[in-house]
């Protein structure tokens, strides 16, 4: 009787461990796939990836030397690839489109979209929008998207400020 319980316990632990190992391996493969895809896209523009993030079928990376940002998003058969030349960007902002829903006297804020907006120095060039979260496409719950969009806005604005201060010193 005791031996049967031990064997059952060992099999259950092995099954749980195996499922976790397989899940981590698949996640690692998917992350590597997106990084390779992002690196290949950057190479097309003569860039390299110095810093990157990958989440939910989306990858973003930056070449801090050439001041280029690269973005790839895969959604089923659709694929969006964007390259943003940061030397032409005036400012980077976060768009947080949300709505408030009244649920039995409880006001709940629902985020519909999180996007990174690039406003260019040349006002005739339309703003570039990079989607980090869209509730019509992504899961209903936000995981890391809110932190990531703010992180990248801060990173880009710091690079822009650094570039402006360098160009002022040259004169």
N, C-alpha and C. Protein backbone atom coordinates (compact mmCIF):
# COMPACT_ATOMS: atom_id res chain seq x y z
N UNK A 1 0.82 -1.19 0.00
CA UNK A 1 0.00 0.00 0.00
C UNK A 1 0.86 1.25 0.00
N UNK A 2 1.89 1.27 0.83
CA UNK A 2 2.78 2.41 0.92
C UNK A 2 3.54 2.62 -0.39
N UNK A 3 3.98 1.53 -1.02
CA UNK A 3 4.72 1.59 -2.27
C UNK A 3 3.86 2.18 -3.39
N UNK A 4 2.60 1.84 -3.45
CA UNK A 4 1.69 2.39 -4.46
C UNK A 4 1.52 3.89 -4.32
N UNK A 5 1.45 4.39 -3.09
CA UNK A 5 1.32 5.83 -2.84
C UNK A 5 2.59 6.55 -3.27
N UNK A 6 3.73 5.98 -2.96
CA UNK A 6 5.01 6.58 -3.34
C UNK A 6 5.13 6.65 -4.86
N UNK A 7 4.80 5.57 -5.54
CA UNK A 7 4.90 5.54 -7.00
C UNK A 7 3.95 6.57 -7.62
N UNK A 8 2.73 6.65 -7.10
CA UNK A 8 1.77 7.64 -7.59
C UNK A 8 2.29 9.05 -7.37
N UNK A 9 2.84 9.32 -6.21
CA UNK A 9 3.39 10.64 -5.90
C UNK A 9 4.54 11.00 -6.82
N UNK A 10 5.44 10.04 -7.04
CA UNK A 10 6.58 10.27 -7.94
C UNK A 10 6.10 10.55 -9.36
N UNK A 11 5.12 9.79 -9.82
CA UNK A 11 4.60 10.01 -11.17
C UNK A 11 3.94 11.38 -11.31
N UNK A 12 3.20 11.81 -10.31
CA UNK A 12 2.57 13.13 -10.34
C UNK A 12 3.61 14.25 -10.36
N UNK A 13 4.63 14.12 -9.53
CA UNK A 13 5.71 15.12 -9.50
C UNK A 13 6.44 15.14 -10.84
N UNK A 14 6.69 13.98 -11.42
CA UNK A 14 7.37 13.91 -12.71
C UNK A 14 6.53 14.55 -13.80
N UNK A 15 5.22 14.30 -13.79
CA UNK A 15 4.34 14.89 -14.80
C UNK A 15 4.30 16.40 -14.68
N UNK A 16 4.21 16.92 -13.46
CA UNK A 16 4.20 18.37 -13.25
C UNK A 16 5.54 18.99 -13.68
N UNK A 17 6.62 18.37 -13.29
CA UNK A 17 7.95 18.88 -13.64
C UNK A 17 8.14 18.86 -15.15
N UNK A 18 7.74 17.80 -15.80
CA UNK A 18 7.88 17.70 -17.24
C UNK A 18 7.08 18.78 -17.96
N UNK A 19 5.88 19.05 -17.50
CA UNK A 19 5.07 20.09 -18.15
C UNK A 19 5.70 21.47 -17.97
N UNK A 20 6.30 21.74 -16.82
CA UNK A 20 6.98 23.02 -16.60
C UNK A 20 8.21 23.13 -17.48
N UNK A 21 8.97 22.07 -17.59
CA UNK A 21 10.17 22.08 -18.43
C UNK A 21 9.80 22.30 -19.90
N UNK A 22 8.79 21.63 -20.38
CA UNK A 22 8.35 21.79 -21.76
C UNK A 22 7.84 23.20 -22.01
N UNK A 23 7.09 23.74 -21.07
CA UNK A 23 6.58 25.11 -21.20
C UNK A 23 7.72 26.12 -21.27
N UNK A 24 8.70 25.99 -20.39
CA UNK A 24 9.86 26.90 -20.41
C UNK A 24 10.66 26.76 -21.69
N UNK A 25 10.80 25.55 -22.17
CA UNK A 25 11.55 25.32 -23.41
C UNK A 25 10.84 25.96 -24.60
N UNK A 26 9.51 25.82 -24.66
CA UNK A 26 8.75 26.44 -25.75
C UNK A 26 8.83 27.96 -25.67
N UNK A 27 8.75 28.52 -24.47
CA UNK A 27 8.85 29.97 -24.31
C UNK A 27 10.23 30.45 -24.75
N UNK A 28 11.25 29.70 -24.39
CA UNK A 28 12.62 30.06 -24.78
C UNK A 28 12.78 30.02 -26.30
N UNK A 29 12.22 29.01 -26.95
CA UNK A 29 12.29 28.91 -28.40
C UNK A 29 11.57 30.08 -29.06
N UNK A 30 10.40 30.42 -28.54
CA UNK A 30 9.62 31.53 -29.10
C UNK A 30 10.36 32.86 -28.93
N UNK A 31 10.97 33.06 -27.77
CA UNK A 31 11.75 34.28 -27.53
C UNK A 31 12.93 34.35 -28.48
N UNK A 32 13.60 33.25 -28.67
CA UNK A 32 14.75 33.21 -29.59
C UNK A 32 14.30 33.48 -31.02
N UNK A 33 13.16 32.92 -31.40
CA UNK A 33 12.60 33.15 -32.74
C UNK A 33 12.35 34.64 -32.97
N UNK A 34 11.71 35.30 -32.00
CA UNK A 34 11.43 36.73 -32.16
C UNK A 34 12.69 37.57 -32.14
N UNK A 35 13.66 37.20 -31.31
CA UNK A 35 14.91 37.94 -31.30
C UNK A 35 15.64 37.81 -32.64
N UNK A 36 15.68 36.59 -33.18
CA UNK A 36 16.31 36.39 -34.49
C UNK A 36 15.59 37.18 -35.57
N UNK A 37 14.27 37.21 -35.52
CA UNK A 37 13.47 37.96 -36.48
C UNK A 37 13.77 39.46 -36.37
N UNK A 38 13.84 39.97 -35.15
CA UNK A 38 14.13 41.37 -34.90
C UNK A 38 15.55 41.72 -35.35
N UNK A 39 16.50 40.86 -35.05
CA UNK A 39 17.89 41.08 -35.46
C UNK A 39 18.02 41.09 -36.98
N UNK A 40 17.32 40.18 -37.64
CA UNK A 40 17.34 40.15 -39.10
C UNK A 40 16.74 41.41 -39.70
N UNK A 41 15.68 41.89 -39.11
CA UNK A 41 15.05 43.12 -39.58
C UNK A 41 15.99 44.31 -39.38
N UNK A 42 16.66 44.37 -38.25
CA UNK A 42 17.62 45.45 -37.99
C UNK A 42 18.78 45.40 -38.96
N UNK A 43 19.23 44.20 -39.29
CA UNK A 43 20.33 44.03 -40.23
C UNK A 43 19.98 44.57 -41.62
N UNK A 44 18.71 44.47 -42.01
CA UNK A 44 18.28 45.02 -43.29
C UNK A 44 18.53 46.52 -43.38
N UNK A 45 18.52 47.20 -42.25
CA UNK A 45 18.74 48.64 -42.21
C UNK A 45 20.14 48.99 -41.73
N UNK A 46 21.01 47.99 -41.69
CA UNK A 46 22.39 48.21 -41.27
C UNK A 46 22.54 48.44 -39.78
N UNK A 47 21.60 47.96 -39.00
CA UNK A 47 21.63 48.17 -37.55
C UNK A 47 21.89 46.89 -36.79
N UNK A 48 21.99 47.06 -35.50
CA UNK A 48 22.12 45.92 -34.60
C UNK A 48 21.26 46.20 -33.38
N UNK A 49 20.95 45.18 -32.64
CA UNK A 49 20.08 45.32 -31.47
C UNK A 49 20.96 45.43 -30.23
N UNK A 50 20.91 46.60 -29.58
CA UNK A 50 21.65 46.81 -28.33
C UNK A 50 20.80 46.48 -27.12
N UNK A 51 19.50 46.74 -27.22
CA UNK A 51 18.58 46.48 -26.12
C UNK A 51 17.25 46.07 -26.73
N UNK A 52 16.56 45.12 -26.11
CA UNK A 52 15.31 44.65 -26.69
C UNK A 52 14.37 44.13 -25.60
N UNK A 53 13.11 44.00 -25.99
CA UNK A 53 12.09 43.35 -25.17
C UNK A 53 11.18 42.56 -26.09
N UNK A 54 10.71 41.42 -25.60
CA UNK A 54 9.83 40.55 -26.38
C UNK A 54 8.65 40.17 -25.49
N UNK A 55 7.45 40.32 -26.02
CA UNK A 55 6.24 39.97 -25.27
C UNK A 55 5.10 39.71 -26.23
N UNK A 56 4.27 38.81 -25.92
CA UNK A 56 2.97 38.59 -26.57
C UNK A 56 2.97 38.76 -28.09
N UNK A 57 3.91 38.12 -28.78
CA UNK A 57 3.95 38.20 -30.24
C UNK A 57 4.53 39.49 -30.77
N UNK A 58 5.21 40.24 -29.92
CA UNK A 58 5.77 41.54 -30.29
C UNK A 58 7.21 41.62 -29.82
N UNK A 59 8.04 42.29 -30.62
CA UNK A 59 9.44 42.51 -30.25
C UNK A 59 9.82 43.94 -30.60
N UNK A 60 10.59 44.56 -29.72
CA UNK A 60 11.08 45.91 -29.96
C UNK A 60 12.55 45.93 -29.58
N UNK A 61 13.33 46.65 -30.35
CA UNK A 61 14.75 46.74 -30.07
C UNK A 61 15.29 48.06 -30.56
N UNK A 62 16.47 48.40 -30.09
CA UNK A 62 17.05 49.70 -30.43
C UNK A 62 18.53 49.55 -30.73
N UNK A 63 18.98 50.33 -31.70
CA UNK A 63 20.39 50.47 -32.01
C UNK A 63 20.79 51.84 -31.48
N UNK A 64 21.51 51.87 -30.37
CA UNK A 64 21.84 53.13 -29.72
C UNK A 64 22.91 53.92 -30.46
N UNK A 65 23.69 53.26 -31.30
CA UNK A 65 24.73 53.95 -32.06
C UNK A 65 24.11 54.68 -33.26
N UNK A 66 23.30 53.98 -34.03
CA UNK A 66 22.69 54.56 -35.22
C UNK A 66 21.37 55.26 -34.92
N UNK A 67 20.93 55.19 -33.68
CA UNK A 67 19.67 55.80 -33.22
C UNK A 67 18.49 55.36 -34.08
N UNK A 68 18.32 54.05 -34.12
CA UNK A 68 17.19 53.47 -34.84
C UNK A 68 16.45 52.52 -33.91
N UNK A 69 15.13 52.55 -34.02
CA UNK A 69 14.29 51.66 -33.23
C UNK A 69 13.62 50.70 -34.19
N UNK A 70 13.58 49.42 -33.82
CA UNK A 70 13.00 48.38 -34.66
C UNK A 70 11.87 47.70 -33.91
N UNK A 71 10.78 47.42 -34.63
CA UNK A 71 9.57 46.89 -34.01
C UNK A 71 8.97 45.84 -34.93
N UNK A 72 8.63 44.70 -34.37
CA UNK A 72 7.98 43.62 -35.11
C UNK A 72 6.81 43.11 -34.27
N UNK A 73 5.67 42.92 -34.93
CA UNK A 73 4.51 42.35 -34.25
C UNK A 73 3.88 41.32 -35.18
N UNK A 74 3.69 40.12 -34.67
CA UNK A 74 3.08 39.05 -35.44
C UNK A 74 1.75 38.71 -34.78
N UNK A 75 0.70 38.76 -35.59
CA UNK A 75 -0.64 38.45 -35.11
C UNK A 75 -1.28 37.53 -36.14
N UNK A 76 -1.18 36.23 -35.90
CA UNK A 76 -1.70 35.27 -36.87
C UNK A 76 -0.89 35.34 -38.15
N UNK A 77 -1.57 35.60 -39.26
CA UNK A 77 -0.90 35.73 -40.55
C UNK A 77 -0.36 37.14 -40.78
N UNK A 78 -0.84 38.11 -40.02
CA UNK A 78 -0.42 39.50 -40.18
C UNK A 78 0.89 39.76 -39.45
N UNK A 79 1.76 40.51 -40.12
CA UNK A 79 3.02 40.89 -39.50
C UNK A 79 3.27 42.36 -39.77
N UNK A 80 3.60 43.09 -38.70
CA UNK A 80 3.91 44.51 -38.80
C UNK A 80 5.39 44.69 -38.49
N UNK A 81 6.10 45.37 -39.38
CA UNK A 81 7.51 45.67 -39.17
C UNK A 81 7.69 47.17 -39.33
N UNK A 82 8.31 47.79 -38.35
CA UNK A 82 8.54 49.24 -38.39
C UNK A 82 9.97 49.54 -38.00
N UNK A 83 10.53 50.51 -38.68
CA UNK A 83 11.86 51.04 -38.36
C UNK A 83 11.66 52.53 -38.16
N UNK A 84 12.11 53.06 -37.03
CA UNK A 84 11.97 54.48 -36.72
C UNK A 84 13.36 55.07 -36.55
N UNK A 85 13.64 56.08 -37.38
CA UNK A 85 14.91 56.81 -37.28
C UNK A 85 14.75 57.86 -36.19
N UNK A 86 15.38 57.64 -35.06
CA UNK A 86 15.20 58.52 -33.90
C UNK A 86 15.85 59.88 -34.09
N UNK A 87 16.74 60.02 -35.07
CA UNK A 87 17.34 61.34 -35.33
C UNK A 87 16.31 62.32 -35.86
N UNK A 88 15.21 61.81 -36.43
CA UNK A 88 14.16 62.66 -36.96
C UNK A 88 13.01 62.86 -35.98
N UNK A 89 13.10 62.23 -34.82
CA UNK A 89 12.01 62.27 -33.85
C UNK A 89 12.20 63.45 -32.90
N UNK A 90 11.11 64.16 -32.67
CA UNK A 90 11.13 65.28 -31.72
C UNK A 90 10.84 64.80 -30.31
N UNK A 91 9.83 63.94 -30.17
CA UNK A 91 9.42 63.49 -28.85
C UNK A 91 8.74 62.13 -28.95
N UNK A 92 8.85 61.38 -27.88
CA UNK A 92 8.18 60.08 -27.77
C UNK A 92 7.22 60.15 -26.59
N UNK A 93 5.97 59.73 -26.81
CA UNK A 93 4.95 59.78 -25.76
C UNK A 93 4.23 58.44 -25.68
N UNK A 94 3.54 58.25 -24.59
CA UNK A 94 2.72 57.06 -24.38
C UNK A 94 1.26 57.44 -24.55
N UNK A 95 0.55 56.68 -25.37
CA UNK A 95 -0.89 56.84 -25.49
C UNK A 95 -1.54 55.73 -24.70
N UNK A 96 -2.31 56.12 -23.69
CA UNK A 96 -3.03 55.16 -22.86
C UNK A 96 -4.51 55.45 -23.07
N UNK A 97 -5.13 54.74 -24.00
CA UNK A 97 -6.55 54.94 -24.29
C UNK A 97 -7.34 53.99 -23.40
N UNK A 98 -8.17 54.57 -22.55
CA UNK A 98 -8.95 53.75 -21.62
C UNK A 98 -10.35 54.32 -21.50
N UNK A 99 -11.21 53.53 -20.88
CA UNK A 99 -12.58 53.97 -20.62
C UNK A 99 -12.97 53.50 -19.23
N UNK A 100 -13.92 54.20 -18.67
CA UNK A 100 -14.40 53.86 -17.34
C UNK A 100 -15.75 53.17 -17.47
N UNK A 101 -15.89 52.05 -16.80
CA UNK A 101 -17.12 51.27 -16.83
C UNK A 101 -17.71 51.27 -15.43
N UNK A 102 -19.00 51.59 -15.34
CA UNK A 102 -19.70 51.59 -14.07
C UNK A 102 -20.33 50.21 -13.87
N UNK A 103 -19.88 49.52 -12.83
CA UNK A 103 -20.37 48.18 -12.54
C UNK A 103 -20.96 48.18 -11.14
N UNK A 104 -22.28 48.35 -11.04
CA UNK A 104 -22.98 48.38 -9.75
C UNK A 104 -22.39 49.42 -8.80
N UNK A 105 -22.18 50.62 -9.31
CA UNK A 105 -21.64 51.70 -8.48
C UNK A 105 -20.14 51.68 -8.35
N UNK A 106 -19.50 50.69 -8.90
CA UNK A 106 -18.04 50.58 -8.89
C UNK A 106 -17.51 51.05 -10.23
N UNK A 107 -16.68 52.08 -10.23
CA UNK A 107 -16.08 52.56 -11.48
C UNK A 107 -14.78 51.81 -11.73
N UNK A 108 -14.73 51.10 -12.84
CA UNK A 108 -13.53 50.35 -13.23
C UNK A 108 -12.96 50.95 -14.49
N UNK A 109 -11.65 51.17 -14.49
CA UNK A 109 -10.97 51.71 -15.66
C UNK A 109 -10.46 50.55 -16.50
N UNK A 110 -10.85 50.54 -17.76
CA UNK A 110 -10.44 49.48 -18.68
C UNK A 110 -9.52 50.08 -19.73
N UNK A 111 -8.32 49.55 -19.83
CA UNK A 111 -7.37 50.02 -20.84
C UNK A 111 -7.70 49.34 -22.15
N UNK A 112 -7.93 50.15 -23.18
CA UNK A 112 -8.23 49.62 -24.50
C UNK A 112 -6.98 49.49 -25.36
N UNK A 113 -6.09 50.49 -25.26
CA UNK A 113 -4.87 50.46 -26.08
C UNK A 113 -3.73 51.15 -25.35
N UNK A 114 -2.54 50.62 -25.53
CA UNK A 114 -1.30 51.25 -25.10
C UNK A 114 -0.41 51.34 -26.32
N UNK A 115 -0.01 52.56 -26.65
CA UNK A 115 0.82 52.76 -27.84
C UNK A 115 1.95 53.74 -27.54
N UNK A 116 3.02 53.57 -28.26
CA UNK A 116 4.14 54.49 -28.22
C UNK A 116 3.99 55.39 -29.43
N UNK A 117 4.00 56.70 -29.21
CA UNK A 117 3.81 57.66 -30.30
C UNK A 117 5.12 58.41 -30.51
N UNK A 118 5.55 58.46 -31.76
CA UNK A 118 6.74 59.21 -32.13
C UNK A 118 6.30 60.43 -32.93
N UNK A 119 6.55 61.62 -32.37
CA UNK A 119 6.27 62.88 -33.07
C UNK A 119 7.58 63.34 -33.70
N UNK A 120 7.54 63.63 -34.99
CA UNK A 120 8.74 63.95 -35.73
C UNK A 120 9.00 65.46 -35.75
N UNK A 121 10.27 65.82 -35.96
CA UNK A 121 10.66 67.23 -36.07
C UNK A 121 9.92 67.88 -37.23
N UNK A 122 9.85 67.18 -38.36
CA UNK A 122 9.14 67.66 -39.53
C UNK A 122 7.64 67.43 -39.30
N UNK A 123 6.91 68.52 -39.13
CA UNK A 123 5.48 68.41 -38.78
C UNK A 123 4.64 67.84 -39.92
N UNK A 124 5.18 67.77 -41.13
CA UNK A 124 4.41 67.19 -42.24
C UNK A 124 4.43 65.66 -42.20
N UNK A 125 5.37 65.11 -41.47
CA UNK A 125 5.45 63.65 -41.33
C UNK A 125 4.46 63.23 -40.24
N UNK A 126 3.56 62.30 -40.56
CA UNK A 126 2.59 61.87 -39.54
C UNK A 126 3.28 61.12 -38.39
N UNK A 127 2.66 61.18 -37.23
CA UNK A 127 3.18 60.48 -36.06
C UNK A 127 3.20 58.97 -36.33
N UNK A 128 4.20 58.32 -35.79
CA UNK A 128 4.33 56.86 -35.89
C UNK A 128 3.79 56.26 -34.60
N UNK A 129 2.90 55.29 -34.71
CA UNK A 129 2.31 54.63 -33.55
C UNK A 129 2.75 53.17 -33.52
N UNK A 130 3.26 52.74 -32.38
CA UNK A 130 3.64 51.35 -32.19
C UNK A 130 2.78 50.78 -31.07
N UNK A 131 2.02 49.75 -31.39
CA UNK A 131 1.08 49.17 -30.44
C UNK A 131 1.78 48.23 -29.48
N UNK A 132 1.55 48.46 -28.19
CA UNK A 132 2.06 47.57 -27.16
C UNK A 132 0.95 46.67 -26.63
N UNK A 133 -0.29 47.19 -26.65
CA UNK A 133 -1.43 46.42 -26.17
C UNK A 133 -2.69 46.93 -26.87
N UNK A 134 -3.52 46.02 -27.30
CA UNK A 134 -4.82 46.36 -27.88
C UNK A 134 -5.78 45.28 -27.43
N UNK A 135 -6.81 45.67 -26.66
CA UNK A 135 -7.66 44.64 -26.07
C UNK A 135 -8.51 43.90 -27.10
N UNK A 136 -8.62 44.43 -28.31
CA UNK A 136 -9.34 43.69 -29.35
C UNK A 136 -8.46 42.60 -29.96
N UNK A 137 -7.14 42.69 -29.77
CA UNK A 137 -6.21 41.72 -30.34
C UNK A 137 -5.56 40.85 -29.27
N UNK A 138 -5.18 41.46 -28.16
CA UNK A 138 -4.43 40.76 -27.12
C UNK A 138 -5.37 40.15 -26.09
N UNK A 139 -4.78 39.54 -25.09
CA UNK A 139 -5.57 39.00 -23.98
C UNK A 139 -6.31 40.14 -23.29
N UNK A 140 -7.33 39.80 -22.56
CA UNK A 140 -8.07 40.82 -21.85
C UNK A 140 -7.30 41.39 -20.66
N UNK A 141 -6.30 40.68 -20.20
CA UNK A 141 -5.51 41.19 -19.08
C UNK A 141 -4.15 41.65 -19.57
N UNK A 142 -3.69 42.73 -18.96
CA UNK A 142 -2.38 43.29 -19.29
C UNK A 142 -1.34 42.61 -18.41
N UNK A 143 -0.26 42.15 -19.01
CA UNK A 143 0.80 41.53 -18.24
C UNK A 143 1.90 42.55 -17.96
N UNK A 144 2.84 42.70 -18.89
CA UNK A 144 3.98 43.60 -18.71
C UNK A 144 3.88 44.82 -19.62
N UNK A 145 2.83 44.92 -20.42
CA UNK A 145 2.76 45.94 -21.45
C UNK A 145 2.84 47.36 -20.90
N UNK A 146 2.20 47.61 -19.78
CA UNK A 146 2.19 48.95 -19.20
C UNK A 146 3.61 49.37 -18.79
N UNK A 147 4.32 48.48 -18.12
CA UNK A 147 5.70 48.79 -17.73
C UNK A 147 6.60 48.95 -18.96
N UNK A 148 6.40 48.09 -19.96
CA UNK A 148 7.24 48.15 -21.15
C UNK A 148 7.05 49.43 -21.94
N UNK A 149 5.81 49.85 -22.15
CA UNK A 149 5.58 51.07 -22.93
C UNK A 149 6.19 52.27 -22.23
N UNK A 150 6.09 52.34 -20.92
CA UNK A 150 6.70 53.44 -20.17
C UNK A 150 8.23 53.36 -20.19
N UNK A 151 8.76 52.15 -20.09
CA UNK A 151 10.20 51.95 -20.14
C UNK A 151 10.77 52.44 -21.47
N UNK A 152 10.10 52.08 -22.57
CA UNK A 152 10.61 52.46 -23.89
C UNK A 152 10.44 53.94 -24.17
N UNK A 153 9.38 54.55 -23.68
CA UNK A 153 9.21 56.00 -23.84
C UNK A 153 10.33 56.73 -23.09
N UNK A 154 10.63 56.28 -21.89
CA UNK A 154 11.70 56.89 -21.10
C UNK A 154 13.05 56.70 -21.78
N UNK A 155 13.31 55.48 -22.26
CA UNK A 155 14.57 55.18 -22.93
C UNK A 155 14.76 56.03 -24.17
N UNK A 156 13.73 56.12 -25.00
CA UNK A 156 13.83 56.90 -26.24
C UNK A 156 14.01 58.38 -25.94
N UNK A 157 13.24 58.91 -25.00
CA UNK A 157 13.37 60.32 -24.66
C UNK A 157 14.74 60.64 -24.07
N UNK A 158 15.32 59.73 -23.31
CA UNK A 158 16.67 59.93 -22.78
C UNK A 158 17.69 59.96 -23.91
N UNK A 159 17.54 59.07 -24.88
CA UNK A 159 18.45 59.07 -26.04
C UNK A 159 18.30 60.35 -26.86
N UNK A 160 17.06 60.80 -27.03
CA UNK A 160 16.82 62.04 -27.77
C UNK A 160 17.45 63.24 -27.05
N UNK A 161 17.31 63.28 -25.74
CA UNK A 161 17.90 64.38 -24.96
C UNK A 161 19.42 64.34 -25.03
N UNK A 162 19.98 63.14 -24.96
CA UNK A 162 21.43 62.98 -25.07
C UNK A 162 21.92 63.44 -26.44
N UNK A 163 21.17 63.08 -27.48
CA UNK A 163 21.54 63.48 -28.84
C UNK A 163 21.47 65.00 -28.99
N UNK A 164 20.45 65.62 -28.42
CA UNK A 164 20.32 67.09 -28.51
C UNK A 164 21.46 67.78 -27.78
N UNK A 165 21.82 67.26 -26.61
CA UNK A 165 22.91 67.89 -25.86
C UNK A 165 24.25 67.72 -26.59
N UNK A 166 24.45 66.59 -27.27
CA UNK A 166 25.67 66.39 -28.06
C UNK A 166 25.73 67.36 -29.22
N UNK A 167 24.60 67.56 -29.90
CA UNK A 167 24.59 68.47 -31.05
C UNK A 167 24.78 69.92 -30.62
N UNK A 168 24.34 70.29 -29.44
CA UNK A 168 24.55 71.66 -28.93
C UNK A 168 26.00 71.88 -28.58
N UNK A 169 26.67 70.85 -28.05
CA UNK A 169 28.08 70.97 -27.68
C UNK A 169 28.99 71.11 -28.89
N UNK A 170 28.56 70.59 -30.02
CA UNK A 170 29.40 70.63 -31.23
C UNK A 170 29.50 72.02 -31.81
N UNK A 171 28.58 72.91 -31.49
CA UNK A 171 28.61 74.27 -32.04
C UNK A 171 29.40 75.21 -31.21
